[in-house]
Amino acid sequence: MSYRFGQFLVVIGLILLIIFTLTLQASEGNYLLCAGSAFCLAIGVVLSIRFRPPSEPAQRFRTVNKFRRTNPKDKP
């Protein structure tokens, strides 16, 4: 849950950062947007890194691993 909320905050922070750069282009910089985006990005990155779900093992060599797991006693 916290991982997904962290990703949400990162997206909101990026949107606020884009809006801030657009206000700078219009010569009316709103620095509250910059502070809000920095806050959202920081909290979002911390939550995303800290509560990352465990990764599942790769299934690339499942056939090879199946042959390795067989007991040598099974073969004549």
Protein backbone atom coordinates (compact mmCIF):
# COMPACT_ATOMS: atom_id res chain seq x y z
CA MET A 1 0.00 0.00 0.00
CA SER A 2 2.75 2.44 0.93
CA TYR A 3 4.69 1.57 -2.23
CA ARG A 4 1.76 2.50 -4.45
CA PHE A 5 1.09 5.69 -2.48
CA GLY A 6 4.76 6.58 -2.94
CA GLN A 7 4.45 6.11 -6.69
CA PHE A 8 1.35 8.32 -6.65
CA LEU A 9 3.24 11.06 -4.83
CA VAL A 10 6.09 10.86 -7.34
CA VAL A 11 3.64 11.34 -10.22
CA ILE A 12 1.96 14.29 -8.45
CA GLY A 13 5.39 15.80 -7.75
CA LEU A 14 6.36 15.52 -11.41
CA ILE A 15 3.11 17.15 -12.52
CA LEU A 16 3.64 20.01 -10.07
CA LEU A 17 7.20 20.41 -11.33
CA ILE A 18 5.97 20.67 -14.92
CA ILE A 19 3.40 23.28 -13.91
CA PHE A 20 6.11 25.19 -12.06
CA THR A 21 8.34 25.28 -15.13
CA LEU A 22 5.39 26.51 -17.20
CA THR A 23 4.82 29.36 -14.73
CA LEU A 24 8.49 30.26 -15.01
CA GLN A 25 8.14 30.44 -18.80
CA ALA A 26 5.22 32.83 -18.32
CA SER A 27 7.45 35.06 -16.12
CA GLU A 28 5.17 34.50 -13.14
CA GLY A 29 7.05 31.87 -11.15
CA ASN A 30 4.96 30.33 -8.40
CA TYR A 31 7.56 29.01 -5.97
CA LEU A 32 4.93 27.33 -3.82
CA LEU A 33 4.54 24.82 -6.66
CA CYS A 34 8.29 24.20 -6.56
CA ALA A 35 8.20 23.54 -2.82
CA GLY A 36 5.17 21.29 -3.15
CA SER A 37 6.73 19.29 -5.94
CA ALA A 38 9.98 18.86 -4.01
CA PHE A 39 8.05 17.69 -0.94
CA CYS A 40 5.92 15.21 -2.93
CA LEU A 41 8.92 13.87 -4.81
CA ALA A 42 10.99 13.41 -1.67
CA ILE A 43 8.27 11.62 0.30
CA GLY A 44 7.26 9.56 -2.75
CA VAL A 45 10.79 8.37 -3.45
CA VAL A 46 11.35 7.44 0.20
CA LEU A 47 8.10 5.45 0.34
CA SER A 48 8.75 3.76 -3.00
CA ILE A 49 12.25 2.67 -2.05
CA ARG A 50 11.52 1.69 1.52
CA PHE A 51 8.40 -0.40 0.92
CA ARG A 52 9.30 -2.03 -2.40
CA PRO A 53 7.65 -5.46 -2.77
CA PRO A 54 10.01 -8.45 -3.09
CA SER A 55 10.79 -9.46 -6.64
CA GLU A 56 9.85 -12.90 -7.94
CA PRO A 57 12.58 -15.21 -9.25
CA ALA A 58 13.12 -15.26 -12.99
CA GLN A 59 11.59 -18.14 -14.93
CA ARG A 60 14.11 -18.11 -17.76
CA PHE A 61 15.82 -21.43 -17.17
CA ARG A 62 13.01 -23.46 -15.62
CA THR A 63 13.54 -26.41 -17.98
CA VAL A 64 17.26 -26.54 -17.22
CA ASN A 65 16.62 -26.25 -13.49
CA LYS A 66 14.07 -29.07 -13.69
CA PHE A 67 16.74 -31.38 -15.16
CA ARG A 68 19.26 -30.30 -12.51
CA ARG A 69 16.87 -31.12 -9.67
CA THR A 70 16.46 -34.76 -10.70
CA ASN A 71 18.37 -37.17 -8.51
CA PRO A 72 21.35 -38.98 -10.03
CA LYS A 73 19.92 -42.23 -8.56
CA ASP A 74 17.00 -41.99 -10.98
CA LYS A 75 19.30 -42.41 -13.96
CA PRO A 76 20.62 -45.96 -14.75
